[in-house]
């Protein structure tokens, strides 16, 4: 279907650059962005996760929760 939309010049320029950089068409870029936005709207918002913890000592020395490989090493040692 063909339709007409009005976009700010700067936004249109950015979309055109993205189309060129990605090898897509301007229509493809706009369609993809609209589909992504609609998909986010229709999906339920993420619920925060509550983790139950025990004790008040905090992390053990040397534990870095952002280091997955290090955590595996520590768990294998014990």
C-alpha atoms as a PDB file:
ATOM      1  CA  UNK A   1       0.000   0.000   0.000  1.00  0.00           C
ATOM      2  CA  UNK A   2       1.252   3.469  -0.747  1.00  0.00           C
ATOM      3  CA  UNK A   3       0.880   6.282   1.775  1.00  0.00           C
ATOM      4  CA  UNK A   4       2.412   9.653   2.518  1.00  0.00           C
ATOM      5  CA  UNK A   5       4.020  10.562   5.824  1.00  0.00           C
ATOM      6  CA  UNK A   6       5.783  13.711   6.950  1.00  0.00           C
ATOM      7  CA  UNK A   7       9.114  13.344   8.725  1.00  0.00           C
ATOM      8  CA  UNK A   8      11.564  15.946  10.003  1.00  0.00           C
ATOM      9  CA  UNK A   9      14.417  16.410   7.498  1.00  0.00           C
ATOM     10  CA  UNK A  10      17.046  15.266  10.009  1.00  0.00           C
ATOM     11  CA  UNK A  11      15.158  12.038  10.765  1.00  0.00           C
ATOM     12  CA  UNK A  12      14.690  11.306   7.081  1.00  0.00           C
ATOM     13  CA  UNK A  13      18.399  11.902   6.431  1.00  0.00           C
ATOM     14  CA  UNK A  14      19.321   9.486   9.237  1.00  0.00           C
ATOM     15  CA  UNK A  15      16.949   6.860   7.856  1.00  0.00           C
ATOM     16  CA  UNK A  16      18.412   7.251   4.366  1.00  0.00           C
ATOM     17  CA  UNK A  17      21.959   6.863   5.733  1.00  0.00           C
ATOM     18  CA  UNK A  18      20.918   3.760   7.645  1.00  0.00           C
ATOM     19  CA  UNK A  19      19.372   2.315   4.489  1.00  0.00           C
ATOM     20  CA  UNK A  20      22.574   2.943   2.550  1.00  0.00           C
ATOM     21  CA  UNK A  21      24.806   1.541   5.291  1.00  0.00           C
ATOM     22  CA  UNK A  22      22.689  -1.582   5.745  1.00  0.00           C
ATOM     23  CA  UNK A  23      22.004  -2.205   2.060  1.00  0.00           C
ATOM     24  CA  UNK A  24      18.280  -1.841   2.666  1.00  0.00           C
ATOM     25  CA  UNK A  25      15.713   0.446   1.101  1.00  0.00           C
ATOM     26  CA  UNK A  26      14.285   3.478   2.848  1.00  0.00           C
ATOM     27  CA  UNK A  27      10.925   1.692   2.877  1.00  0.00           C
ATOM     28  CA  UNK A  28      12.564  -1.345   4.490  1.00  0.00           C
ATOM     29  CA  UNK A  29      14.162   0.762   7.221  1.00  0.00           C
ATOM     30  CA  UNK A  30      10.894   2.539   8.028  1.00  0.00           C
ATOM     31  CA  UNK A  31       8.917  -0.710   7.914  1.00  0.00           C
ATOM     32  CA  UNK A  32      11.413  -2.448  10.210  1.00  0.00           C
ATOM     33  CA  UNK A  33      11.377   0.397  12.712  1.00  0.00           C
ATOM     34  CA  UNK A  34       7.591   0.460  12.772  1.00  0.00           C
ATOM     35  CA  UNK A  35       7.352  -3.322  13.199  1.00  0.00           C
ATOM     36  CA  UNK A  36       9.876  -3.191  16.054  1.00  0.00           C
ATOM     37  CA  UNK A  37       7.959  -0.427  17.801  1.00  0.00           C
ATOM     38  CA  UNK A  38       4.637  -2.233  17.446  1.00  0.00           C
ATOM     39  CA  UNK A  39       6.139  -5.487  18.735  1.00  0.00           C
ATOM     40  CA  UNK A  40       7.468  -3.738  21.854  1.00  0.00           C
ATOM     41  CA  UNK A  41       4.062  -2.221  22.503  1.00  0.00           C
ATOM     42  CA  UNK A  42       2.254  -5.545  22.269  1.00  0.00           C
ATOM     43  CA  UNK A  43       4.646  -7.476  24.507  1.00  0.00           C
ATOM     44  CA  UNK A  44       4.023  -7.297  28.238  1.00  0.00           C
ATOM     45  CA  UNK A  45       6.497  -5.221  30.229  1.00  0.00           C
ATOM     46  CA  UNK A  46       9.220  -7.184  31.949  1.00  0.00           C
ATOM     47  CA  UNK A  47       8.575  -7.834  35.608  1.00  0.00           C
ATOM     48  CA  UNK A  48      11.446  -7.258  38.028  1.00  0.00           C
ATOM     49  CA  UNK A  49      12.995 -10.412  39.399  1.00  0.00           C
ATOM     50  CA  UNK A  50      13.283 -10.722  43.168  1.00  0.00           C
ATOM     51  CA  UNK A  51      16.058 -13.019  44.305  1.00  0.00           C
ATOM     52  CA  UNK A  52      15.952 -14.485  47.772  1.00  0.00           C
ATOM     53  CA  UNK A  53      19.255 -14.200  49.583  1.00  0.00           C
ATOM     54  CA  UNK A  54      20.372 -15.707  52.860  1.00  0.00           C
ATOM     55  CA  UNK A  55      22.850 -14.335  55.347  1.00  0.00           C
ATOM     56  CA  UNK A  56      24.165 -10.825  55.660  1.00  0.00           C
ATOM     57  CA  UNK A  57      27.804 -11.287  54.758  1.00  0.00           C
ATOM     58  CA  UNK A  58      27.501 -10.292  51.102  1.00  0.00           C
ATOM     59  CA  UNK A  59      29.731 -11.726  48.405  1.00  0.00           C
ATOM     60  CA  UNK A  60      32.659 -13.912  49.269  1.00  0.00           C
ATOM     61  CA  UNK A  61      36.109 -12.432  48.545  1.00  0.00           C
ATOM     62  CA  UNK A  62      37.111 -12.800  44.918  1.00  0.00           C
ATOM     63  CA  UNK A  63      33.558 -13.223  43.581  1.00  0.00           C
ATOM     64  CA  UNK A  64      32.677 -11.017  40.612  1.00  0.00           C
ATOM     65  CA  UNK A  65      29.086 -11.558  39.457  1.00  0.00           C
ATOM     66  CA  UNK A  66      29.913  -9.993  36.072  1.00  0.00           C
ATOM     67  CA  UNK A  67      32.587 -12.627  35.358  1.00  0.00           C
ATOM     68  CA  UNK A  68      30.778 -15.811  34.301  1.00  0.00           C
ATOM     69  CA  UNK A  69      33.970 -17.782  33.619  1.00  0.00           C
ATOM     70  CA  UNK A  70      35.403 -16.742  36.977  1.00  0.00           C
ATOM     71  CA  UNK A  71      32.219 -17.830  38.744  1.00  0.00           C
ATOM     72  CA  UNK A  72      32.425 -21.255  37.100  1.00  0.00           C
ATOM     73  CA  UNK A  73      36.030 -21.579  38.202  1.00  0.00           C
ATOM     74  CA  UNK A  74      35.125 -20.686  41.787  1.00  0.00           C
ATOM     75  CA  UNK A  75      32.223 -23.161  41.855  1.00  0.00           C
ATOM     76  CA  UNK A  76      34.394 -25.975  40.472  1.00  0.00           C
ATOM     77  CA  UNK A  77      37.024 -25.350  43.161  1.00  0.00           C
ATOM     78  CA  UNK A  78      34.505 -26.004  45.964  1.00  0.00           C
END
